[in-house]
Amino acid sequence: MVTKKSWREKLADSKDLPKVVKINENMSKRWGTGTVVIPAPIEVNEIMKRVSKGKLITINEIREKLAKRHGATIGCPITTGIFAWIAAHAAEEDASEGKKDITPYWRTLKSGGVINEKYPGGIDKIKVLLEYEGHKVVKKGRKYVVEKYESSLASL
């Protein structure tokens, strides 16, 4: 019988990452030319963990930081998003065991200040956590956005 990995185990499993690869022809249609860094999950978590109360970061900013760190043209949007999601679930796993110093995943937004509805607890939980920290969350169409999020971006 195969045992299922915990979220923390998934976060710690780097699978030979990070690595920088040349953007191939298929990727170039979407990402242009140059190189892309595929980060290690723990790297994404480390950046998310540094965002202090009242501050925010977007996935795109995390990607930019990773690209700069590794000398790549861009950070992979797919793996960065997946690893942020894993970090969020690992944080909830920690919280369920009574740990207080968890990764504040609710401070990591999608581009445009959009709340990630796939984080643990969904929109309702994330909205409460962000509003508790002083942010105003508004509904725009089907999405929830932190109003004036740009003024709260962390400078890491």
N, C-alpha and C. Protein backbone atom coordinates (compact mmCIF):
# COMPACT_ATOMS: atom_id res chain seq x y z
N MET A 1 0.84 -1.20 0.00
CA MET A 1 0.00 0.00 0.00
C MET A 1 0.88 1.25 0.00
N VAL A 2 0.54 2.19 -0.85
CA VAL A 2 1.28 3.43 -0.96
C VAL A 2 0.68 4.44 0.01
N THR A 3 1.54 5.05 0.83
CA THR A 3 1.04 6.08 1.73
C THR A 3 1.09 7.43 1.04
N LYS A 4 0.08 8.20 1.28
CA LYS A 4 -0.01 9.52 0.66
C LYS A 4 0.93 10.49 1.37
N LYS A 5 1.65 11.27 0.59
CA LYS A 5 2.56 12.27 1.15
C LYS A 5 1.77 13.40 1.81
N SER A 6 2.31 13.89 2.91
CA SER A 6 1.71 15.07 3.53
C SER A 6 2.06 16.29 2.69
N TRP A 7 1.36 17.39 2.93
CA TRP A 7 1.67 18.62 2.20
C TRP A 7 3.09 19.09 2.52
N ARG A 8 3.50 18.93 3.78
CA ARG A 8 4.87 19.33 4.15
C ARG A 8 5.91 18.48 3.41
N GLU A 9 5.62 17.19 3.24
CA GLU A 9 6.53 16.33 2.48
C GLU A 9 6.60 16.77 1.02
N LYS A 10 5.46 17.13 0.47
CA LYS A 10 5.44 17.62 -0.92
C LYS A 10 6.24 18.92 -1.05
N LEU A 11 6.11 19.77 -0.04
CA LEU A 11 6.83 21.04 -0.04
C LEU A 11 8.34 20.82 0.03
N ALA A 12 8.76 19.83 0.78
CA ALA A 12 10.19 19.55 0.97
C ALA A 12 10.81 18.76 -0.19
N ASP A 13 9.97 18.18 -1.05
CA ASP A 13 10.47 17.33 -2.14
C ASP A 13 10.86 18.20 -3.34
N SER A 14 12.15 18.46 -3.49
CA SER A 14 12.62 19.36 -4.54
C SER A 14 12.73 18.73 -5.93
N LYS A 15 12.76 17.40 -6.02
CA LYS A 15 12.79 16.72 -7.33
C LYS A 15 13.82 17.33 -8.29
N ASP A 16 15.06 17.49 -7.86
CA ASP A 16 16.13 18.06 -8.69
C ASP A 16 15.88 19.51 -9.10
N LEU A 17 15.07 20.20 -8.35
CA LEU A 17 14.79 21.61 -8.63
C LEU A 17 15.53 22.46 -7.61
N PRO A 18 15.84 23.69 -7.90
CA PRO A 18 15.47 24.46 -9.08
C PRO A 18 16.35 24.11 -10.27
N LYS A 19 15.82 24.42 -11.45
CA LYS A 19 16.64 24.31 -12.65
C LYS A 19 16.21 25.37 -13.65
N VAL A 20 17.17 25.83 -14.40
CA VAL A 20 16.93 26.84 -15.43
C VAL A 20 17.05 26.13 -16.77
N VAL A 21 16.01 26.30 -17.59
CA VAL A 21 16.01 25.67 -18.91
C VAL A 21 15.73 26.73 -19.98
N LYS A 22 16.22 26.45 -21.19
CA LYS A 22 15.99 27.33 -22.32
C LYS A 22 14.51 27.25 -22.70
N ILE A 23 13.94 28.38 -23.03
CA ILE A 23 12.54 28.40 -23.48
C ILE A 23 12.51 27.81 -24.87
N ASN A 24 11.79 26.69 -25.02
CA ASN A 24 11.73 26.01 -26.32
C ASN A 24 10.66 26.64 -27.21
N GLU A 25 10.55 26.10 -28.42
CA GLU A 25 9.65 26.68 -29.41
C GLU A 25 8.20 26.71 -28.93
N ASN A 26 7.74 25.63 -28.30
CA ASN A 26 6.36 25.60 -27.78
C ASN A 26 6.14 26.68 -26.74
N MET A 27 7.08 26.80 -25.79
CA MET A 27 6.96 27.78 -24.72
C MET A 27 7.05 29.21 -25.24
N SER A 28 7.84 29.42 -26.30
CA SER A 28 8.12 30.78 -26.77
C SER A 28 6.87 31.50 -27.27
N LYS A 29 5.87 30.74 -27.71
CA LYS A 29 4.63 31.37 -28.16
C LYS A 29 3.99 32.14 -27.01
N ARG A 30 4.15 31.62 -25.82
CA ARG A 30 3.53 32.23 -24.64
C ARG A 30 4.50 33.11 -23.86
N TRP A 31 5.78 32.68 -23.78
CA TRP A 31 6.72 33.32 -22.86
C TRP A 31 7.86 34.06 -23.54
N GLY A 32 7.91 34.08 -24.85
CA GLY A 32 9.00 34.75 -25.54
C GLY A 32 10.25 33.89 -25.58
N THR A 33 11.42 34.53 -25.58
CA THR A 33 12.67 33.80 -25.69
C THR A 33 13.49 33.98 -24.42
N GLY A 34 14.51 33.14 -24.29
CA GLY A 34 15.39 33.23 -23.13
C GLY A 34 15.35 31.96 -22.31
N THR A 35 15.34 32.13 -20.99
CA THR A 35 15.34 30.97 -20.09
C THR A 35 14.23 31.11 -19.06
N VAL A 36 13.83 29.96 -18.53
CA VAL A 36 12.80 29.92 -17.49
C VAL A 36 13.35 29.13 -16.31
N VAL A 37 13.13 29.65 -15.10
CA VAL A 37 13.51 28.90 -13.92
C VAL A 37 12.30 28.13 -13.42
N ILE A 38 12.52 26.85 -13.18
CA ILE A 38 11.51 26.01 -12.55
C ILE A 38 11.98 25.91 -11.10
N PRO A 39 11.31 26.61 -10.19
CA PRO A 39 11.81 26.70 -8.82
C PRO A 39 11.57 25.41 -8.03
N ALA A 40 12.26 25.32 -6.90
CA ALA A 40 11.96 24.27 -5.94
C ALA A 40 10.76 24.75 -5.12
N PRO A 41 9.89 23.84 -4.70
CA PRO A 41 8.72 24.26 -3.92
C PRO A 41 9.10 25.09 -2.68
N ILE A 42 10.16 24.68 -2.01
CA ILE A 42 10.56 25.35 -0.77
C ILE A 42 10.98 26.80 -1.03
N GLU A 43 11.51 27.10 -2.23
CA GLU A 43 11.89 28.48 -2.57
C GLU A 43 10.66 29.38 -2.63
N VAL A 44 9.59 28.88 -3.21
CA VAL A 44 8.35 29.64 -3.31
C VAL A 44 7.82 29.89 -1.90
N ASN A 45 7.84 28.86 -1.07
CA ASN A 45 7.39 28.98 0.31
C ASN A 45 8.22 30.01 1.08
N GLU A 46 9.53 29.99 0.89
CA GLU A 46 10.41 30.93 1.61
C GLU A 46 10.05 32.38 1.29
N ILE A 47 9.75 32.66 0.03
CA ILE A 47 9.37 34.03 -0.35
C ILE A 47 8.02 34.38 0.28
N MET A 48 7.06 33.47 0.19
CA MET A 48 5.73 33.71 0.76
C MET A 48 5.82 33.95 2.26
N LYS A 49 6.69 33.23 2.92
CA LYS A 49 6.82 33.30 4.38
C LYS A 49 7.36 34.66 4.85
N ARG A 50 8.08 35.36 3.97
CA ARG A 50 8.69 36.64 4.34
C ARG A 50 7.74 37.83 4.23
N VAL A 51 6.53 37.62 3.74
CA VAL A 51 5.57 38.72 3.59
C VAL A 51 4.93 39.00 4.96
N SER A 52 5.20 40.19 5.48
CA SER A 52 4.74 40.52 6.83
C SER A 52 3.28 40.95 6.87
N LYS A 53 2.74 40.96 8.07
CA LYS A 53 1.34 41.34 8.29
C LYS A 53 1.08 42.72 7.69
N GLY A 54 -0.03 42.83 6.96
CA GLY A 54 -0.41 44.08 6.32
C GLY A 54 0.17 44.25 4.93
N LYS A 55 1.10 43.38 4.55
CA LYS A 55 1.72 43.45 3.24
C LYS A 55 1.19 42.33 2.35
N LEU A 56 1.44 42.44 1.05
CA LEU A 56 0.96 41.47 0.07
C LEU A 56 2.04 41.20 -0.96
N ILE A 57 1.88 40.11 -1.70
CA ILE A 57 2.74 39.81 -2.84
C ILE A 57 1.88 39.09 -3.87
N THR A 58 2.26 39.20 -5.13
CA THR A 58 1.54 38.47 -6.17
C THR A 58 2.42 37.33 -6.68
N ILE A 59 1.79 36.36 -7.28
CA ILE A 59 2.53 35.25 -7.89
C ILE A 59 3.53 35.78 -8.91
N ASN A 60 3.15 36.80 -9.67
CA ASN A 60 4.07 37.35 -10.67
C ASN A 60 5.30 37.97 -10.02
N GLU A 61 5.14 38.59 -8.87
CA GLU A 61 6.30 39.14 -8.16
C GLU A 61 7.20 38.02 -7.65
N ILE A 62 6.61 36.95 -7.18
CA ILE A 62 7.40 35.79 -6.75
C ILE A 62 8.19 35.26 -7.94
N ARG A 63 7.54 35.16 -9.10
CA ARG A 63 8.22 34.68 -10.31
C ARG A 63 9.39 35.58 -10.68
N GLU A 64 9.19 36.90 -10.58
CA GLU A 64 10.26 37.84 -10.89
C GLU A 64 11.46 37.65 -9.94
N LYS A 65 11.18 37.48 -8.66
CA LYS A 65 12.24 37.28 -7.68
C LYS A 65 13.02 35.99 -7.96
N LEU A 66 12.29 34.94 -8.31
CA LEU A 66 12.94 33.67 -8.63
C LEU A 66 13.81 33.78 -9.88
N ALA A 67 13.28 34.45 -10.90
CA ALA A 67 14.05 34.62 -12.15
C ALA A 67 15.34 35.38 -11.87
N LYS A 68 15.22 36.45 -11.10
CA LYS A 68 16.41 37.26 -10.77
C LYS A 68 17.42 36.43 -9.98
N ARG A 69 16.94 35.69 -8.99
CA ARG A 69 17.81 34.85 -8.15
C ARG A 69 18.61 33.85 -8.98
N HIS A 70 17.97 33.30 -10.02
CA HIS A 70 18.59 32.24 -10.81
C HIS A 70 19.14 32.71 -12.15
N GLY A 71 19.08 34.01 -12.41
CA GLY A 71 19.60 34.54 -13.67
C GLY A 71 18.82 34.08 -14.88
N ALA A 72 17.52 33.87 -14.71
CA ALA A 72 16.66 33.43 -15.81
C ALA A 72 15.85 34.61 -16.33
N THR A 73 15.31 34.45 -17.52
CA THR A 73 14.47 35.50 -18.12
C THR A 73 13.15 35.61 -17.36
N ILE A 74 12.54 34.46 -17.06
CA ILE A 74 11.26 34.44 -16.33
C ILE A 74 11.24 33.29 -15.33
N GLY A 75 10.30 33.39 -14.39
CA GLY A 75 10.00 32.28 -13.49
C GLY A 75 8.80 31.55 -14.04
N CYS A 76 8.80 30.24 -13.95
CA CYS A 76 7.71 29.44 -14.52
C CYS A 76 6.38 29.75 -13.82
N PRO A 77 5.38 30.23 -14.58
CA PRO A 77 4.10 30.56 -13.96
C PRO A 77 3.34 29.32 -13.47
N ILE A 78 3.50 28.21 -14.15
CA ILE A 78 2.75 27.01 -13.79
C ILE A 78 3.26 26.42 -12.47
N THR A 79 4.57 26.12 -12.42
CA THR A 79 5.09 25.50 -11.20
C THR A 79 5.06 26.47 -10.02
N THR A 80 5.28 27.75 -10.26
CA THR A 80 5.24 28.71 -9.15
C THR A 80 3.85 28.73 -8.52
N GLY A 81 2.82 28.72 -9.36
CA GLY A 81 1.45 28.68 -8.85
C GLY A 81 1.14 27.40 -8.10
N ILE A 82 1.57 26.28 -8.65
CA ILE A 82 1.34 24.99 -7.99
C ILE A 82 2.06 24.94 -6.65
N PHE A 83 3.31 25.42 -6.63
CA PHE A 83 4.09 25.37 -5.39
C PHE A 83 3.54 26.32 -4.34
N ALA A 84 2.95 27.44 -4.74
CA ALA A 84 2.29 28.35 -3.79
C ALA A 84 1.09 27.64 -3.17
N TRP A 85 0.37 26.90 -3.98
CA TRP A 85 -0.80 26.13 -3.51
C TRP A 85 -0.36 25.05 -2.53
N ILE A 86 0.73 24.36 -2.83
CA ILE A 86 1.26 23.35 -1.92
C ILE A 86 1.70 24.01 -0.61
N ALA A 87 2.37 25.16 -0.70
CA ALA A 87 2.80 25.90 0.50
C ALA A 87 1.61 26.27 1.37
N ALA A 88 0.52 26.68 0.74
CA ALA A 88 -0.70 27.05 1.47
C ALA A 88 -1.26 25.84 2.23
N HIS A 89 -1.31 24.70 1.57
CA HIS A 89 -1.83 23.50 2.22
C HIS A 89 -0.89 23.00 3.32
N ALA A 90 0.42 23.13 3.11
CA ALA A 90 1.39 22.75 4.15
C ALA A 90 1.22 23.66 5.37
N ALA A 91 0.96 24.94 5.14
CA ALA A 91 0.74 25.89 6.24
C ALA A 91 -0.50 25.49 7.04
N GLU A 92 -1.55 25.10 6.35
CA GLU A 92 -2.78 24.67 7.03
C GLU A 92 -2.55 23.38 7.81
N GLU A 93 -1.72 22.51 7.25
CA GLU A 93 -1.35 21.28 7.94
C GLU A 93 -0.65 21.64 9.26
N ASP A 94 0.28 22.59 9.19
CA ASP A 94 0.97 23.07 10.40
C ASP A 94 -0.03 23.66 11.39
N ALA A 95 -0.93 24.51 10.90
CA ALA A 95 -1.91 25.17 11.77
C ALA A 95 -2.81 24.15 12.45
N SER A 96 -3.18 23.09 11.73
CA SER A 96 -4.05 22.06 12.32
C SER A 96 -3.37 21.30 13.45
N GLU A 97 -2.03 21.37 13.47
CA GLU A 97 -1.26 20.74 14.54
C GLU A 97 -0.88 21.74 15.63
N GLY A 98 -1.46 22.93 15.56
CA GLY A 98 -1.26 23.92 16.60
C GLY A 98 -0.07 24.84 16.41
N LYS A 99 0.61 24.74 15.29
CA LYS A 99 1.76 25.61 15.05
C LYS A 99 1.27 27.02 14.75
N LYS A 100 1.96 28.00 15.29
CA LYS A 100 1.56 29.41 15.11
C LYS A 100 2.33 30.09 13.98
N ASP A 101 3.59 29.75 13.81
CA ASP A 101 4.43 30.39 12.79
C ASP A 101 4.30 29.66 11.47
N ILE A 102 3.19 29.95 10.78
CA ILE A 102 2.94 29.28 9.50
C ILE A 102 3.14 30.27 8.35
N THR A 103 3.29 29.75 7.15
CA THR A 103 3.41 30.60 5.97
C THR A 103 2.08 31.33 5.77
N PRO A 104 2.11 32.67 5.72
CA PRO A 104 0.87 33.45 5.56
C PRO A 104 0.42 33.48 4.10
N TYR A 105 -0.04 32.35 3.63
CA TYR A 105 -0.38 32.17 2.22
C TYR A 105 -1.47 33.11 1.73
N TRP A 106 -2.34 33.57 2.61
CA TRP A 106 -3.44 34.45 2.23
C TRP A 106 -2.93 35.80 1.72
N ARG A 107 -1.65 36.10 2.00
CA ARG A 107 -1.05 37.36 1.54
C ARG A 107 -0.50 37.24 0.11
N THR A 108 -0.54 36.05 -0.46
CA THR A 108 -0.07 35.84 -1.83
C THR A 108 -1.27 35.83 -2.76
N LEU A 109 -1.30 36.82 -3.65
CA LEU A 109 -2.44 37.00 -4.56
C LEU A 109 -2.07 36.62 -5.97
N LYS A 110 -3.10 36.40 -6.76
CA LYS A 110 -2.90 36.22 -8.20
C LYS A 110 -2.65 37.60 -8.80
N SER A 111 -2.33 37.64 -10.08
CA SER A 111 -2.11 38.94 -10.72
C SER A 111 -3.39 39.77 -10.63
N GLY A 112 -3.21 41.08 -10.57
CA GLY A 112 -4.35 41.99 -10.48
C GLY A 112 -4.95 42.06 -9.09
N GLY A 113 -4.27 41.45 -8.09
CA GLY A 113 -4.78 41.49 -6.72
C GLY A 113 -5.91 40.53 -6.43
N VAL A 114 -6.09 39.54 -7.31
CA VAL A 114 -7.18 38.57 -7.18
C VAL A 114 -6.83 37.54 -6.10
N ILE A 115 -7.80 37.24 -5.25
CA ILE A 115 -7.64 36.22 -4.21
C ILE A 115 -7.65 34.85 -4.87
N ASN A 116 -6.76 33.98 -4.40
CA ASN A 116 -6.70 32.61 -4.94
C ASN A 116 -7.76 31.76 -4.24
N GLU A 117 -8.81 31.45 -4.98
CA GLU A 117 -9.94 30.69 -4.43
C GLU A 117 -9.59 29.23 -4.14
N LYS A 118 -8.43 28.78 -4.62
CA LYS A 118 -8.03 27.38 -4.42
C LYS A 118 -7.21 27.18 -3.15
N TYR A 119 -6.91 28.26 -2.44
CA TYR A 119 -6.19 28.13 -1.18
C TYR A 119 -7.13 27.52 -0.14
N PRO A 120 -6.57 26.91 0.91
CA PRO A 120 -7.42 26.27 1.94
C PRO A 120 -8.46 27.23 2.51
N GLY A 121 -9.68 26.75 2.62
CA GLY A 121 -10.76 27.57 3.16
C GLY A 121 -11.47 28.41 2.12
N GLY A 122 -10.89 28.49 0.93
CA GLY A 122 -11.52 29.22 -0.16
C GLY A 122 -11.62 30.72 0.09
N ILE A 123 -12.43 31.37 -0.73
CA ILE A 123 -12.60 32.82 -0.69
C ILE A 123 -13.00 33.31 0.69
N ASP A 124 -13.96 32.64 1.32
CA ASP A 124 -14.48 33.11 2.60
C ASP A 124 -13.39 33.23 3.66
N LYS A 125 -12.56 32.22 3.78
CA LYS A 125 -11.49 32.24 4.79
C LYS A 125 -10.43 33.29 4.44
N ILE A 126 -10.01 33.33 3.18
CA ILE A 126 -8.96 34.26 2.76
C ILE A 126 -9.43 35.70 2.97
N LYS A 127 -10.68 35.96 2.62
CA LYS A 127 -11.27 37.29 2.76
C LYS A 127 -11.22 37.73 4.23
N VAL A 128 -11.61 36.87 5.13
CA VAL A 128 -11.59 37.18 6.57
C VAL A 128 -10.16 37.50 7.03
N LEU A 129 -9.20 36.65 6.64
CA LEU A 129 -7.81 36.85 7.05
C LEU A 129 -7.25 38.17 6.51
N LEU A 130 -7.54 38.48 5.26
CA LEU A 130 -7.05 39.73 4.67
C LEU A 130 -7.70 40.96 5.30
N GLU A 131 -9.01 40.89 5.54
CA GLU A 131 -9.71 42.01 6.15
C GLU A 131 -9.24 42.22 7.60
N TYR A 132 -8.94 41.15 8.29
CA TYR A 132 -8.41 41.24 9.65
C TYR A 132 -7.09 42.01 9.65
N GLU A 133 -6.32 41.88 8.57
CA GLU A 133 -5.04 42.57 8.46
C GLU A 133 -5.16 43.97 7.85
N GLY A 134 -6.41 44.43 7.65
CA GLY A 134 -6.63 45.81 7.21
C GLY A 134 -6.86 46.02 5.73
N HIS A 135 -6.97 44.95 4.96
CA HIS A 135 -7.21 45.09 3.52
C HIS A 135 -8.70 45.11 3.23
N LYS A 136 -9.07 45.80 2.18
CA LYS A 136 -10.47 45.83 1.75
C LYS A 136 -10.61 44.89 0.56
N VAL A 137 -11.52 43.93 0.67
CA VAL A 137 -11.75 42.96 -0.39
C VAL A 137 -13.07 43.30 -1.06
N VAL A 138 -13.04 43.39 -2.39
CA VAL A 138 -14.24 43.71 -3.15
C VAL A 138 -14.48 42.64 -4.22
N LYS A 139 -15.73 42.48 -4.58
CA LYS A 139 -16.07 41.51 -5.63
C LYS A 139 -16.08 42.24 -6.97
N LYS A 140 -15.37 41.67 -7.93
CA LYS A 140 -15.35 42.21 -9.29
C LYS A 140 -15.74 41.08 -10.22
N GLY A 141 -16.98 41.12 -10.70
CA GLY A 141 -17.47 40.00 -11.51
C GLY A 141 -17.57 38.77 -10.63
N ARG A 142 -16.88 37.71 -11.02
CA ARG A 142 -16.89 36.47 -10.24
C ARG A 142 -15.70 36.37 -9.29
N LYS A 143 -14.80 37.32 -9.37
CA LYS A 143 -13.56 37.27 -8.60
C LYS A 143 -13.60 38.23 -7.42
N TYR A 144 -12.79 37.91 -6.43
CA TYR A 144 -12.61 38.79 -5.28
C TYR A 144 -11.21 39.37 -5.35
N VAL A 145 -11.13 40.68 -5.18
CA VAL A 145 -9.88 41.42 -5.37
C VAL A 145 -9.60 42.26 -4.13
N VAL A 146 -8.30 42.36 -3.78
CA VAL A 146 -7.92 43.27 -2.72
C VAL A 146 -7.82 44.66 -3.34
N GLU A 147 -8.69 45.56 -2.85
CA GLU A 147 -8.72 46.91 -3.39
C GLU A 147 -7.41 47.63 -3.08
N LYS A 148 -6.87 48.32 -4.05
CA LYS A 148 -5.63 49.10 -3.92
C LYS A 148 -4.49 48.23 -3.37
N TYR A 149 -4.44 46.98 -3.81
CA TYR A 149 -3.42 46.05 -3.32
C TYR A 149 -2.01 46.54 -3.59
N GLU A 150 -1.84 47.31 -4.68
CA GLU A 150 -0.50 47.78 -5.06
C GLU A 150 0.16 48.58 -3.93
N SER A 151 -0.65 49.31 -3.18
CA SER A 151 -0.08 50.14 -2.11
C SER A 151 0.40 49.30 -0.92
N SER A 152 0.05 48.03 -0.89
CA SER A 152 0.45 47.14 0.21
C SER A 152 1.49 46.09 -0.20
N LEU A 153 2.03 46.23 -1.41
CA LEU A 153 2.99 45.22 -1.86
C LEU A 153 4.26 45.26 -1.01
N ALA A 154 4.72 44.09 -0.65
CA ALA A 154 5.93 43.95 0.18
C ALA A 154 7.17 44.24 -0.66
N SER A 155 8.15 44.84 -0.05
CA SER A 155 9.43 45.04 -0.75
C SER A 155 10.44 44.08 -0.13
N LEU A 156 10.48 42.89 -0.68
CA LEU A 156 11.37 41.85 -0.13
C LEU A 156 12.72 41.90 -0.81
